[in-house]
Amino acid sequence: PPDALRRKLIGRRMETGLRALDIFVPVCRGQRLGIFAASGVGKSTLIGMLARFVEADVIVVGLVGERGREVREFLDQTLGEAGRARSVVVVSTSDQPALARRRAAQATLAVAEHFRAEGKQVFLLLDSVTRLAHAQREIGLAAGEPATARSYTPSVFTELPALLERAGPGAEGEGDITAIFTVLVDGDDHDEPIADAVRGILDGHIVLDRRIGERGRWPAIDVLRSVSRALPRCHSDEENALLVAARRLIGSYADMAEMIRLGAYRAGSDAEVDAAIRLHPALDALLAQGVDERSSSEAGFSQLSALLRS
């Protein structure tokens, strides 16, 4: 990675094309975020939407430890022709040796660094850090390292920052690598060792919640548990005010959801909860987005402003 004292600051906000992210979890140039999700919660679909919609010169995708059957599916259906036209994809499937899987992750970062050195705005997608950690654990155990937390070897926790720190802003005169790293959380445990270590390295995290997906709202982004460390700097004062108001309403509804479902909440008891109940369907619809539907932050904030005034 570039020397810490020569690196640029995180740049301006990028358009991701997803309302939930552009409003609640904004991504700035040179920022590094994680997508934390269990299996089957729409992670691959979300990264495919990002690859097609995001504002960037080059997309670099690393599929590490992926199922062989899903590689062609990702390239042809999830990424699509529009995504492939500006992408470099590095693939190492789950049946390949651990060394090959680790090298695939390193090659993905090397490709992104090449374009960053040329002054390009690079969007990097690495799926997944968890499978890279599994590969490094196999290598460490074969080399005689002791097993520590959840049987991960010490070299796993050395490898993670060494790799993830390679993404981010370049030196003056270079471009930036804006990166999304996916993390598979076992049994929806968001505090397992890899998730915990990665969360501490990155500049924010996007949490996908199975319960939201089961309600039929996709992408299943839990905006209350997701964080972007670019806030509040990357939004204007007016946008931050809208964001705070929306989060407060969503939080109020989440706090009272059980009582509302049981019919134990009496209308008029709390004006903010009443507003949260009234606006909940509209806020849920705002956060939902079809896989081929592209949005903009300007349109998203305009919709949110109209919704909050209603």
C-alpha atoms as a PDB file:
ATOM      1  CA  PRO A   1       0.000   0.000   0.000  1.00  0.00           C
ATOM      2  CA  PRO A   2       1.074   3.640  -0.403  1.00  0.00           C
ATOM      3  CA  ASP A   3       2.912   5.190   2.521  1.00  0.00           C
ATOM      4  CA  ALA A   4       0.396   6.310   5.142  1.00  0.00           C
ATOM      5  CA  LEU A   5       1.778   9.871   5.165  1.00  0.00           C
ATOM      6  CA  ARG A   6       1.579  10.183   1.353  1.00  0.00           C
ATOM      7  CA  ARG A   7      -1.927   8.835   0.919  1.00  0.00           C
ATOM      8  CA  LYS A   8      -4.724  11.166  -0.122  1.00  0.00           C
ATOM      9  CA  LEU A   9      -7.785  11.660   2.046  1.00  0.00           C
ATOM     10  CA  ILE A  10     -11.010   9.822   1.203  1.00  0.00           C
ATOM     11  CA  GLY A  11     -12.630  11.630  -1.734  1.00  0.00           C
ATOM     12  CA  ARG A  12     -16.110  12.708  -2.667  1.00  0.00           C
ATOM     13  CA  ARG A  13     -19.234  10.570  -2.512  1.00  0.00           C
ATOM     14  CA  MET A  14     -19.663   7.987  -5.261  1.00  0.00           C
ATOM     15  CA  GLU A  15     -22.958   7.110  -6.894  1.00  0.00           C
ATOM     16  CA  THR A  16     -23.613   3.424  -6.211  1.00  0.00           C
ATOM     17  CA  GLY A  17     -27.029   3.356  -7.887  1.00  0.00           C
ATOM     18  CA  LEU A  18     -28.631   1.906  -4.728  1.00  0.00           C
ATOM     19  CA  ARG A  19     -30.887   4.187  -2.670  1.00  0.00           C
ATOM     20  CA  ALA A  20     -30.290   2.367   0.622  1.00  0.00           C
ATOM     21  CA  LEU A  21     -26.535   2.860   0.303  1.00  0.00           C
ATOM     22  CA  ASP A  22     -26.477   6.363  -1.205  1.00  0.00           C
ATOM     23  CA  ILE A  23     -28.704   7.674   1.598  1.00  0.00           C
ATOM     24  CA  PHE A  24     -27.880   5.589   4.686  1.00  0.00           C
ATOM     25  CA  VAL A  25     -24.432   4.052   4.018  1.00  0.00           C
ATOM     26  CA  PRO A  26     -22.709   6.383   1.535  1.00  0.00           C
ATOM     27  CA  VAL A  27     -19.558   5.187  -0.216  1.00  0.00           C
ATOM     28  CA  CYS A  28     -16.786   7.683  -0.932  1.00  0.00           C
ATOM     29  CA  ARG A  29     -13.815   7.395  -3.268  1.00  0.00           C
ATOM     30  CA  GLY A  30     -11.079   5.385  -1.617  1.00  0.00           C
ATOM     31  CA  GLN A  31     -13.325   4.012   1.125  1.00  0.00           C
ATOM     32  CA  ARG A  32     -13.275   0.335   2.127  1.00  0.00           C
ATOM     33  CA  LEU A  33     -16.460  -1.341   3.328  1.00  0.00           C
ATOM     34  CA  GLY A  34     -17.545  -4.853   4.182  1.00  0.00           C
ATOM     35  CA  ILE A  35     -20.779  -6.653   3.309  1.00  0.00           C
ATOM     36  CA  PHE A  36     -21.590  -8.918   6.269  1.00  0.00           C
ATOM     37  CA  ALA A  37     -24.129 -11.604   5.454  1.00  0.00           C
ATOM     38  CA  ALA A  38     -25.035 -15.224   6.030  1.00  0.00           C
ATOM     39  CA  SER A  39     -25.534 -17.466   3.016  1.00  0.00           C
ATOM     40  CA  GLY A  40     -28.662 -16.971   0.918  1.00  0.00           C
ATOM     41  CA  VAL A  41     -29.357 -13.358   1.911  1.00  0.00           C
ATOM     42  CA  GLY A  42     -28.709 -11.769  -1.491  1.00  0.00           C
ATOM     43  CA  LYS A  43     -24.994 -10.964  -1.201  1.00  0.00           C
ATOM     44  CA  SER A  44     -24.096 -12.009  -4.764  1.00  0.00           C
ATOM     45  CA  THR A  45     -27.075 -10.131  -6.200  1.00  0.00           C
ATOM     46  CA  LEU A  46     -26.065  -6.988  -4.295  1.00  0.00           C
ATOM     47  CA  ILE A  47     -22.467  -7.041  -5.530  1.00  0.00           C
ATOM     48  CA  GLY A  48     -23.754  -7.650  -9.068  1.00  0.00           C
ATOM     49  CA  MET A  49     -25.954  -4.540  -8.810  1.00  0.00           C
ATOM     50  CA  LEU A  50     -22.984  -2.532  -7.519  1.00  0.00           C
ATOM     51  CA  ALA A  51     -20.781  -3.738 -10.389  1.00  0.00           C
ATOM     52  CA  ARG A  52     -23.390  -2.664 -12.959  1.00  0.00           C
ATOM     53  CA  PHE A  53     -24.438   0.638 -11.395  1.00  0.00           C
ATOM     54  CA  VAL A  54     -21.452   2.133  -9.564  1.00  0.00           C
ATOM     55  CA  GLU A  55     -19.696   5.268 -10.809  1.00  0.00           C
ATOM     56  CA  ALA A  56     -16.130   4.057 -11.548  1.00  0.00           C
ATOM     57  CA  ASP A  57     -13.635   3.721 -14.416  1.00  0.00           C
ATOM     58  CA  VAL A  58     -12.756   0.063 -13.827  1.00  0.00           C
ATOM     59  CA  ILE A  59     -14.384  -2.760 -11.837  1.00  0.00           C
ATOM     60  CA  VAL A  60     -12.107  -5.470 -10.434  1.00  0.00           C
ATOM     61  CA  VAL A  61     -13.859  -8.566  -9.066  1.00  0.00           C
ATOM     62  CA  GLY A  62     -12.184 -11.358  -7.109  1.00  0.00           C
ATOM     63  CA  LEU A  63     -14.151 -14.587  -6.589  1.00  0.00           C
ATOM     64  CA  VAL A  64     -12.181 -16.529  -3.974  1.00  0.00           C
ATOM     65  CA  GLY A  65     -13.306 -20.034  -3.040  1.00  0.00           C
ATOM     66  CA  GLU A  66     -16.498 -19.661  -5.084  1.00  0.00           C
ATOM     67  CA  ARG A  67     -18.586 -22.667  -6.138  1.00  0.00           C
ATOM     68  CA  GLY A  68     -17.636 -23.648  -9.677  1.00  0.00           C
ATOM     69  CA  ARG A  69     -21.278 -23.778 -10.785  1.00  0.00           C
ATOM     70  CA  GLU A  70     -21.857 -20.164  -9.732  1.00  0.00           C
ATOM     71  CA  VAL A  71     -18.934 -18.555 -11.577  1.00  0.00           C
ATOM     72  CA  ARG A  72     -20.573 -18.601 -15.025  1.00  0.00           C
ATOM     73  CA  GLU A  73     -23.891 -17.647 -13.429  1.00  0.00           C
ATOM     74  CA  PHE A  74     -22.247 -14.607 -11.816  1.00  0.00           C
ATOM     75  CA  LEU A  75     -20.540 -13.551 -15.058  1.00  0.00           C
ATOM     76  CA  ASP A  76     -23.523 -14.023 -17.376  1.00  0.00           C
ATOM     77  CA  GLN A  77     -26.525 -13.228 -15.187  1.00  0.00           C
ATOM     78  CA  THR A  78     -25.490 -11.327 -12.059  1.00  0.00           C
ATOM     79  CA  LEU A  79     -22.757  -9.162 -13.604  1.00  0.00           C
ATOM     80  CA  GLY A  80     -24.368  -8.986 -17.030  1.00  0.00           C
ATOM     81  CA  GLU A  81     -23.030  -7.527 -20.243  1.00  0.00           C
ATOM     82  CA  ALA A  82     -22.932  -3.958 -18.873  1.00  0.00           C
ATOM     83  CA  GLY A  83     -20.873  -5.044 -15.862  1.00  0.00           C
ATOM     84  CA  ARG A  84     -18.488  -7.284 -17.855  1.00  0.00           C
ATOM     85  CA  ALA A  85     -17.688  -4.476 -20.309  1.00  0.00           C
ATOM     86  CA  ARG A  86     -15.623  -2.593 -17.735  1.00  0.00           C
ATOM     87  CA  SER A  87     -14.574  -5.427 -15.422  1.00  0.00           C
ATOM     88  CA  VAL A  88     -11.568  -7.620 -14.715  1.00  0.00           C
ATOM     89  CA  VAL A  89     -12.568 -10.839 -12.942  1.00  0.00           C
ATOM     90  CA  VAL A  90     -10.149 -13.109 -11.056  1.00  0.00           C
ATOM     91  CA  VAL A  91     -11.532 -16.536 -10.122  1.00  0.00           C
ATOM     92  CA  SER A  92     -10.341 -19.349  -7.869  1.00  0.00           C
ATOM     93  CA  THR A  93     -12.970 -21.981  -7.122  1.00  0.00           C
ATOM     94  CA  SER A  94     -13.414 -23.878  -3.854  1.00  0.00           C
ATOM     95  CA  ASP A  95     -11.899 -27.094  -5.243  1.00  0.00           C
ATOM     96  CA  GLN A  96      -8.540 -25.443  -5.963  1.00  0.00           C
ATOM     97  CA  PRO A  97      -5.626 -25.631  -3.488  1.00  0.00           C
ATOM     98  CA  ALA A  98      -5.464 -23.171  -0.606  1.00  0.00           C
ATOM     99  CA  LEU A  99      -2.384 -21.499  -2.105  1.00  0.00           C
ATOM    100  CA  ALA A 100      -4.264 -20.846  -5.365  1.00  0.00           C
ATOM    101  CA  ARG A 101      -7.165 -19.278  -3.467  1.00  0.00           C
ATOM    102  CA  ARG A 102      -4.821 -17.002  -1.527  1.00  0.00           C
ATOM    103  CA  ARG A 103      -2.983 -16.022  -4.723  1.00  0.00           C
ATOM    104  CA  ALA A 104      -6.317 -15.163  -6.377  1.00  0.00           C
ATOM    105  CA  ALA A 105      -7.043 -12.608  -3.641  1.00  0.00           C
ATOM    106  CA  GLN A 106      -3.547 -11.163  -3.961  1.00  0.00           C
ATOM    107  CA  ALA A 107      -3.857 -11.029  -7.767  1.00  0.00           C
ATOM    108  CA  THR A 108      -7.177  -9.179  -7.453  1.00  0.00           C
ATOM    109  CA  LEU A 109      -5.526  -6.459  -5.347  1.00  0.00           C
ATOM    110  CA  ALA A 110      -2.519  -6.331  -7.727  1.00  0.00           C
ATOM    111  CA  VAL A 111      -4.799  -5.686 -10.720  1.00  0.00           C
ATOM    112  CA  ALA A 112      -6.632  -2.945  -8.818  1.00  0.00           C
ATOM    113  CA  GLU A 113      -3.322  -1.353  -7.764  1.00  0.00           C
ATOM    114  CA  HIS A 114      -2.162  -1.321 -11.394  1.00  0.00           C
ATOM    115  CA  PHE A 115      -5.191   0.710 -12.493  1.00  0.00           C
ATOM    116  CA  ARG A 116      -4.948   2.982  -9.430  1.00  0.00           C
ATOM    117  CA  ALA A 117      -1.324   3.790 -10.353  1.00  0.00           C
ATOM    118  CA  GLU A 118      -2.606   4.838 -13.809  1.00  0.00           C
ATOM    119  CA  GLY A 119      -4.896   7.409 -12.177  1.00  0.00           C
ATOM    120  CA  LYS A 120      -8.127   5.401 -12.582  1.00  0.00           C
ATOM    121  CA  GLN A 121     -11.031   5.298 -10.159  1.00  0.00           C
ATOM    122  CA  VAL A 122     -11.198   1.576  -9.350  1.00  0.00           C
ATOM    123  CA  PHE A 123     -14.099  -0.238  -7.709  1.00  0.00           C
ATOM    124  CA  LEU A 124     -12.941  -3.506  -6.144  1.00  0.00           C
ATOM    125  CA  LEU A 125     -15.248  -6.357  -5.123  1.00  0.00           C
ATOM    126  CA  LEU A 126     -13.677  -9.297  -3.258  1.00  0.00           C
ATOM    127  CA  ASP A 127     -15.949 -12.243  -2.477  1.00  0.00           C
ATOM    128  CA  SER A 128     -15.141 -13.450   0.075  1.00  0.00           C
ATOM    129  CA  VAL A 129     -12.688 -12.573   2.829  1.00  0.00           C
ATOM    130  CA  THR A 130     -14.004 -15.503   4.867  1.00  0.00           C
ATOM    131  CA  ARG A 131     -12.999 -18.049   2.213  1.00  0.00           C
ATOM    132  CA  LEU A 132      -9.583 -16.359   1.971  1.00  0.00           C
ATOM    133  CA  ALA A 133      -9.258 -16.796   5.756  1.00  0.00           C
ATOM    134  CA  HIS A 134     -10.166 -20.485   5.390  1.00  0.00           C
ATOM    135  CA  ALA A 135      -7.450 -20.876   2.756  1.00  0.00           C
ATOM    136  CA  GLN A 136      -4.871 -19.171   4.960  1.00  0.00           C
ATOM    137  CA  ARG A 137      -5.927 -21.374   7.887  1.00  0.00           C
ATOM    138  CA  GLU A 138      -5.268 -24.489   5.785  1.00  0.00           C
ATOM    139  CA  ILE A 139      -1.832 -23.134   4.850  1.00  0.00           C
ATOM    140  CA  GLY A 140      -1.034 -22.228   8.460  1.00  0.00           C
ATOM    141  CA  LEU A 141      -2.112 -25.586   9.864  1.00  0.00           C
ATOM    142  CA  ALA A 142      -0.057 -27.417   7.212  1.00  0.00           C
ATOM    143  CA  ALA A 143       2.954 -25.307   8.242  1.00  0.00           C
ATOM    144  CA  GLY A 144       2.525 -26.307  11.881  1.00  0.00           C
ATOM    145  CA  GLU A 145       0.941 -23.137  13.263  1.00  0.00           C
ATOM    146  CA  PRO A 146      -1.213 -23.533  16.381  1.00  0.00           C
ATOM    147  CA  ALA A 147      -4.976 -23.176  16.066  1.00  0.00           C
ATOM    148  CA  THR A 148      -6.364 -20.223  18.049  1.00  0.00           C
ATOM    149  CA  ALA A 149      -9.794 -18.519  17.941  1.00  0.00           C
ATOM    150  CA  ARG A 150     -12.330 -20.801  16.206  1.00  0.00           C
ATOM    151  CA  SER A 151      -9.366 -22.855  14.935  1.00  0.00           C
ATOM    152  CA  TYR A 152      -7.951 -19.927  12.904  1.00  0.00           C
ATOM    153  CA  THR A 153      -4.159 -19.727  12.909  1.00  0.00           C
ATOM    154  CA  PRO A 154      -2.212 -16.535  13.834  1.00  0.00           C
ATOM    155  CA  SER A 155      -1.179 -15.960  10.203  1.00  0.00           C
ATOM    156  CA  VAL A 156      -4.846 -15.425   9.260  1.00  0.00           C
ATOM    157  CA  PHE A 157      -4.969 -12.284  11.383  1.00  0.00           C
ATOM    158  CA  THR A 158      -1.644 -11.131   9.916  1.00  0.00           C
ATOM    159  CA  GLU A 159      -2.806 -11.702   6.343  1.00  0.00           C
ATOM    160  CA  LEU A 160      -6.084  -9.777   6.674  1.00  0.00           C
ATOM    161  CA  PRO A 161      -4.714  -6.260   7.352  1.00  0.00           C
ATOM    162  CA  ALA A 162      -1.816  -6.854   4.927  1.00  0.00           C
ATOM    163  CA  LEU A 163      -4.334  -7.468   2.131  1.00  0.00           C
ATOM    164  CA  LEU A 164      -7.133  -5.058   3.056  1.00  0.00           C
ATOM    165  CA  GLU A 165      -4.794  -2.108   3.597  1.00  0.00           C
ATOM    166  CA  ARG A 166      -3.705  -2.348  -0.051  1.00  0.00           C
ATOM    167  CA  ALA A 167      -7.085  -0.905  -1.064  1.00  0.00           C
ATOM    168  CA  GLY A 168      -7.979   2.722  -0.439  1.00  0.00           C
ATOM    169  CA  PRO A 169      -6.812   6.120  -1.692  1.00  0.00           C
ATOM    170  CA  GLY A 170      -3.602   6.313  -3.708  1.00  0.00           C
ATOM    171  CA  ALA A 171      -0.771   8.772  -3.326  1.00  0.00           C
ATOM    172  CA  GLU A 172      -1.065  12.261  -4.835  1.00  0.00           C
ATOM    173  CA  GLY A 173      -1.407  11.997  -8.608  1.00  0.00           C
ATOM    174  CA  GLU A 174      -2.823   8.457  -8.472  1.00  0.00           C
ATOM    175  CA  GLY A 175      -6.388   7.197  -8.519  1.00  0.00           C
ATOM    176  CA  ASP A 176      -8.269   5.417  -5.728  1.00  0.00           C
ATOM    177  CA  ILE A 177      -9.397   1.878  -4.966  1.00  0.00           C
ATOM    178  CA  THR A 178     -12.870   1.938  -3.479  1.00  0.00           C
ATOM    179  CA  ALA A 179     -13.386  -1.568  -2.118  1.00  0.00           C
ATOM    180  CA  ILE A 180     -16.210  -3.816  -0.999  1.00  0.00           C
ATOM    181  CA  PHE A 181     -15.149  -7.006   0.817  1.00  0.00           C
ATOM    182  CA  THR A 182     -17.769  -9.629   1.619  1.00  0.00           C
ATOM    183  CA  VAL A 183     -17.735 -11.556   4.886  1.00  0.00           C
ATOM    184  CA  LEU A 184     -19.778 -14.728   5.418  1.00  0.00           C
ATOM    185  CA  VAL A 185     -21.070 -14.807   8.985  1.00  0.00           C
ATOM    186  CA  ASP A 186     -21.593 -18.333  10.297  1.00  0.00           C
ATOM    187  CA  GLY A 187     -25.056 -18.802  11.736  1.00  0.00           C
ATOM    188  CA  ASP A 188     -25.718 -15.035  11.562  1.00  0.00           C
ATOM    189  CA  ASP A 189     -22.995 -14.554  14.216  1.00  0.00           C
ATOM    190  CA  HIS A 190     -21.659 -11.070  13.430  1.00  0.00           C
ATOM    191  CA  ASP A 191     -19.117 -11.269  16.263  1.00  0.00           C
ATOM    192  CA  GLU A 192     -17.219 -14.326  15.027  1.00  0.00           C
ATOM    193  CA  PRO A 193     -13.409 -13.779  14.752  1.00  0.00           C
ATOM    194  CA  ILE A 194     -13.124 -12.976  11.022  1.00  0.00           C
ATOM    195  CA  ALA A 195     -16.109 -10.617  11.007  1.00  0.00           C
ATOM    196  CA  ASP A 196     -14.791  -8.899  14.128  1.00  0.00           C
ATOM    197  CA  ALA A 197     -11.262  -8.502  12.718  1.00  0.00           C
ATOM    198  CA  VAL A 198     -12.435  -7.224   9.311  1.00  0.00           C
ATOM    199  CA  ARG A 199     -14.896  -4.768  10.855  1.00  0.00           C
ATOM    200  CA  GLY A 200     -12.028  -3.211  12.814  1.00  0.00           C
ATOM    201  CA  ILE A 201      -9.896  -2.723   9.671  1.00  0.00           C
ATOM    202  CA  LEU A 202     -12.478  -1.322   7.265  1.00  0.00           C
ATOM    203  CA  ASP A 203     -14.139   2.105   6.993  1.00  0.00           C
ATOM    204  CA  GLY A 204     -17.680   0.859   7.382  1.00  0.00           C
ATOM    205  CA  HIS A 205     -19.929  -2.168   7.075  1.00  0.00           C
ATOM    206  CA  ILE A 206     -23.153  -3.120   5.299  1.00  0.00           C
ATOM    207  CA  VAL A 207     -25.240  -5.700   7.156  1.00  0.00           C
ATOM    208  CA  LEU A 208     -27.690  -7.937   5.278  1.00  0.00           C
ATOM    209  CA  ASP A 209     -30.452  -9.343   7.472  1.00  0.00           C
ATOM    210  CA  ARG A 210     -32.229 -12.595   6.664  1.00  0.00           C
ATOM    211  CA  ARG A 211     -35.436 -11.424   8.375  1.00  0.00           C
ATOM    212  CA  ILE A 212     -35.677  -8.392   6.081  1.00  0.00           C
ATOM    213  CA  GLY A 213     -35.300 -10.647   3.031  1.00  0.00           C
ATOM    214  CA  GLU A 214     -37.940 -13.017   4.377  1.00  0.00           C
ATOM    215  CA  ARG A 215     -40.352 -10.064   4.500  1.00  0.00           C
ATOM    216  CA  GLY A 216     -39.741  -9.621   0.765  1.00  0.00           C
ATOM    217  CA  ARG A 217     -37.682  -6.416   0.838  1.00  0.00           C
ATOM    218  CA  TRP A 218     -34.576  -6.628  -1.348  1.00  0.00           C
ATOM    219  CA  PRO A 219     -31.768  -5.756  -1.056  1.00  0.00           C
ATOM    220  CA  ALA A 220     -32.054  -6.886   2.579  1.00  0.00           C
ATOM    221  CA  ILE A 221     -29.838  -4.103   3.978  1.00  0.00           C
ATOM    222  CA  ASP A 222     -30.297  -3.407   7.681  1.00  0.00           C
ATOM    223  CA  VAL A 223     -29.704   0.355   7.639  1.00  0.00           C
ATOM    224  CA  LEU A 224     -29.730   0.623  11.446  1.00  0.00           C
ATOM    225  CA  ARG A 225     -26.832  -1.833  11.880  1.00  0.00           C
ATOM    226  CA  SER A 226     -24.902  -0.638   8.821  1.00  0.00           C
ATOM    227  CA  VAL A 227     -22.311   2.118   9.234  1.00  0.00           C
ATOM    228  CA  SER A 228     -20.267   4.349   6.918  1.00  0.00           C
ATOM    229  CA  ARG A 229     -17.382   6.147   8.576  1.00  0.00           C
ATOM    230  CA  ALA A 230     -17.551   8.758   5.794  1.00  0.00           C
ATOM    231  CA  LEU A 231     -20.572  10.249   7.565  1.00  0.00           C
ATOM    232  CA  PRO A 232     -21.420  13.013   8.214  1.00  0.00           C
ATOM    233  CA  ARG A 233     -18.733  14.638   6.050  1.00  0.00           C
ATOM    234  CA  CYS A 234     -19.885  13.192   2.713  1.00  0.00           C
ATOM    235  CA  HIS A 235     -23.483  14.487   3.012  1.00  0.00           C
ATOM    236  CA  SER A 236     -24.658  18.082   2.999  1.00  0.00           C
ATOM    237  CA  ASP A 237     -26.270  19.496   6.159  1.00  0.00           C
ATOM    238  CA  GLU A 238     -29.727  19.120   4.610  1.00  0.00           C
ATOM    239  CA  GLU A 239     -29.043  15.495   3.612  1.00  0.00           C
ATOM    240  CA  ASN A 240     -27.718  14.691   7.092  1.00  0.00           C
ATOM    241  CA  ALA A 241     -30.888  16.144   8.637  1.00  0.00           C
ATOM    242  CA  LEU A 242     -33.048  13.923   6.399  1.00  0.00           C
ATOM    243  CA  LEU A 243     -30.879  10.896   7.206  1.00  0.00           C
ATOM    244  CA  VAL A 244     -31.143  11.462  10.981  1.00  0.00           C
ATOM    245  CA  ALA A 245     -34.923  11.906  10.790  1.00  0.00           C
ATOM    246  CA  ALA A 246     -35.361   8.732   8.725  1.00  0.00           C
ATOM    247  CA  ARG A 247     -33.093   6.650  10.990  1.00  0.00           C
ATOM    248  CA  ARG A 248     -35.001   7.863  14.042  1.00  0.00           C
ATOM    249  CA  LEU A 249     -38.321   6.778  12.526  1.00  0.00           C
ATOM    250  CA  ILE A 250     -36.962   3.386  11.427  1.00  0.00           C
ATOM    251  CA  GLY A 251     -35.408   2.898  14.882  1.00  0.00           C
ATOM    252  CA  SER A 252     -38.635   3.835  16.666  1.00  0.00           C
ATOM    253  CA  TYR A 253     -40.586   1.316  14.594  1.00  0.00           C
ATOM    254  CA  ALA A 254     -37.965  -1.406  15.217  1.00  0.00           C
ATOM    255  CA  ASP A 255     -38.072  -0.772  18.985  1.00  0.00           C
ATOM    256  CA  MET A 256     -41.865  -1.095  19.086  1.00  0.00           C
ATOM    257  CA  ALA A 257     -42.308  -3.736  16.352  1.00  0.00           C
ATOM    258  CA  GLU A 258     -43.158  -6.563  18.762  1.00  0.00           C
ATOM    259  CA  MET A 259     -45.800  -4.508  20.597  1.00  0.00           C
ATOM    260  CA  ILE A 260     -47.243  -3.325  17.274  1.00  0.00           C
ATOM    261  CA  ARG A 261     -47.536  -6.919  15.986  1.00  0.00           C
ATOM    262  CA  LEU A 262     -49.199  -8.023  19.246  1.00  0.00           C
ATOM    263  CA  GLY A 263     -51.629  -5.097  19.120  1.00  0.00           C
ATOM    264  CA  ALA A 264     -50.367  -3.870  22.497  1.00  0.00           C
ATOM    265  CA  TYR A 265     -49.451  -0.385  21.264  1.00  0.00           C
ATOM    266  CA  ARG A 266     -52.235   2.193  21.529  1.00  0.00           C
ATOM    267  CA  ALA A 267     -52.249   4.919  18.871  1.00  0.00           C
ATOM    268  CA  GLY A 268     -51.644   8.368  20.345  1.00  0.00           C
ATOM    269  CA  SER A 269     -49.336   7.140  23.126  1.00  0.00           C
ATOM    270  CA  ASP A 270     -46.232   8.538  21.392  1.00  0.00           C
ATOM    271  CA  ALA A 271     -46.266  10.962  18.472  1.00  0.00           C
ATOM    272  CA  GLU A 272     -42.942   9.737  17.070  1.00  0.00           C
ATOM    273  CA  VAL A 273     -44.029   6.079  17.153  1.00  0.00           C
ATOM    274  CA  ASP A 274     -47.316   7.062  15.503  1.00  0.00           C
ATOM    275  CA  ALA A 275     -45.333   8.766  12.700  1.00  0.00           C
ATOM    276  CA  ALA A 276     -43.039   5.733  12.430  1.00  0.00           C
ATOM    277  CA  ILE A 277     -46.023   3.388  12.028  1.00  0.00           C
ATOM    278  CA  ARG A 278     -47.651   5.671   9.455  1.00  0.00           C
ATOM    279  CA  LEU A 279     -44.491   6.073   7.366  1.00  0.00           C
ATOM    280  CA  HIS A 280     -43.108   2.530   7.762  1.00  0.00           C
ATOM    281  CA  PRO A 281     -44.603   1.114   4.510  1.00  0.00           C
ATOM    282  CA  ALA A 282     -43.305   4.085   2.498  1.00  0.00           C
ATOM    283  CA  LEU A 283     -39.814   3.890   4.060  1.00  0.00           C
ATOM    284  CA  ASP A 284     -39.715   0.148   3.388  1.00  0.00           C
ATOM    285  CA  ALA A 285     -40.688   0.779  -0.245  1.00  0.00           C
ATOM    286  CA  LEU A 286     -37.967   3.444  -0.543  1.00  0.00           C
ATOM    287  CA  LEU A 287     -35.318   0.965   0.624  1.00  0.00           C
ATOM    288  CA  ALA A 288     -36.520  -1.766  -1.766  1.00  0.00           C
ATOM    289  CA  GLN A 289     -35.041  -1.812  -5.258  1.00  0.00           C
ATOM    290  CA  GLY A 290     -35.280  -4.129  -8.244  1.00  0.00           C
ATOM    291  CA  VAL A 291     -32.111  -5.771  -9.572  1.00  0.00           C
ATOM    292  CA  ASP A 292     -32.286  -3.747 -12.823  1.00  0.00           C
ATOM    293  CA  GLU A 293     -33.488  -0.503 -11.220  1.00  0.00           C
ATOM    294  CA  ARG A 294     -30.811   2.168 -10.982  1.00  0.00           C
ATOM    295  CA  SER A 295     -31.278   5.169  -8.719  1.00  0.00           C
ATOM    296  CA  SER A 296     -29.289   8.304  -7.837  1.00  0.00           C
ATOM    297  CA  SER A 297     -28.555   9.968  -4.522  1.00  0.00           C
ATOM    298  CA  GLU A 298     -30.329  13.143  -5.681  1.00  0.00           C
ATOM    299  CA  ALA A 299     -33.481  11.235  -6.569  1.00  0.00           C
ATOM    300  CA  GLY A 300     -33.261   9.179  -3.378  1.00  0.00           C
ATOM    301  CA  PHE A 301     -33.020  12.230  -1.102  1.00  0.00           C
ATOM    302  CA  SER A 302     -35.800  13.944  -3.049  1.00  0.00           C
ATOM    303  CA  GLN A 303     -38.077  10.936  -2.456  1.00  0.00           C
ATOM    304  CA  LEU A 304     -37.087  10.791   1.221  1.00  0.00           C
ATOM    305  CA  SER A 305     -37.761  14.504   1.700  1.00  0.00           C
ATOM    306  CA  ALA A 306     -41.221  14.219   0.128  1.00  0.00           C
ATOM    307  CA  LEU A 307     -41.958  11.128   2.227  1.00  0.00           C
ATOM    308  CA  LEU A 308     -41.008  12.824   5.525  1.00  0.00           C
ATOM    309  CA  ARG A 309     -43.137  15.871   4.671  1.00  0.00           C
ATOM    310  CA  SER A 310     -46.187  13.734   3.905  1.00  0.00           C
END
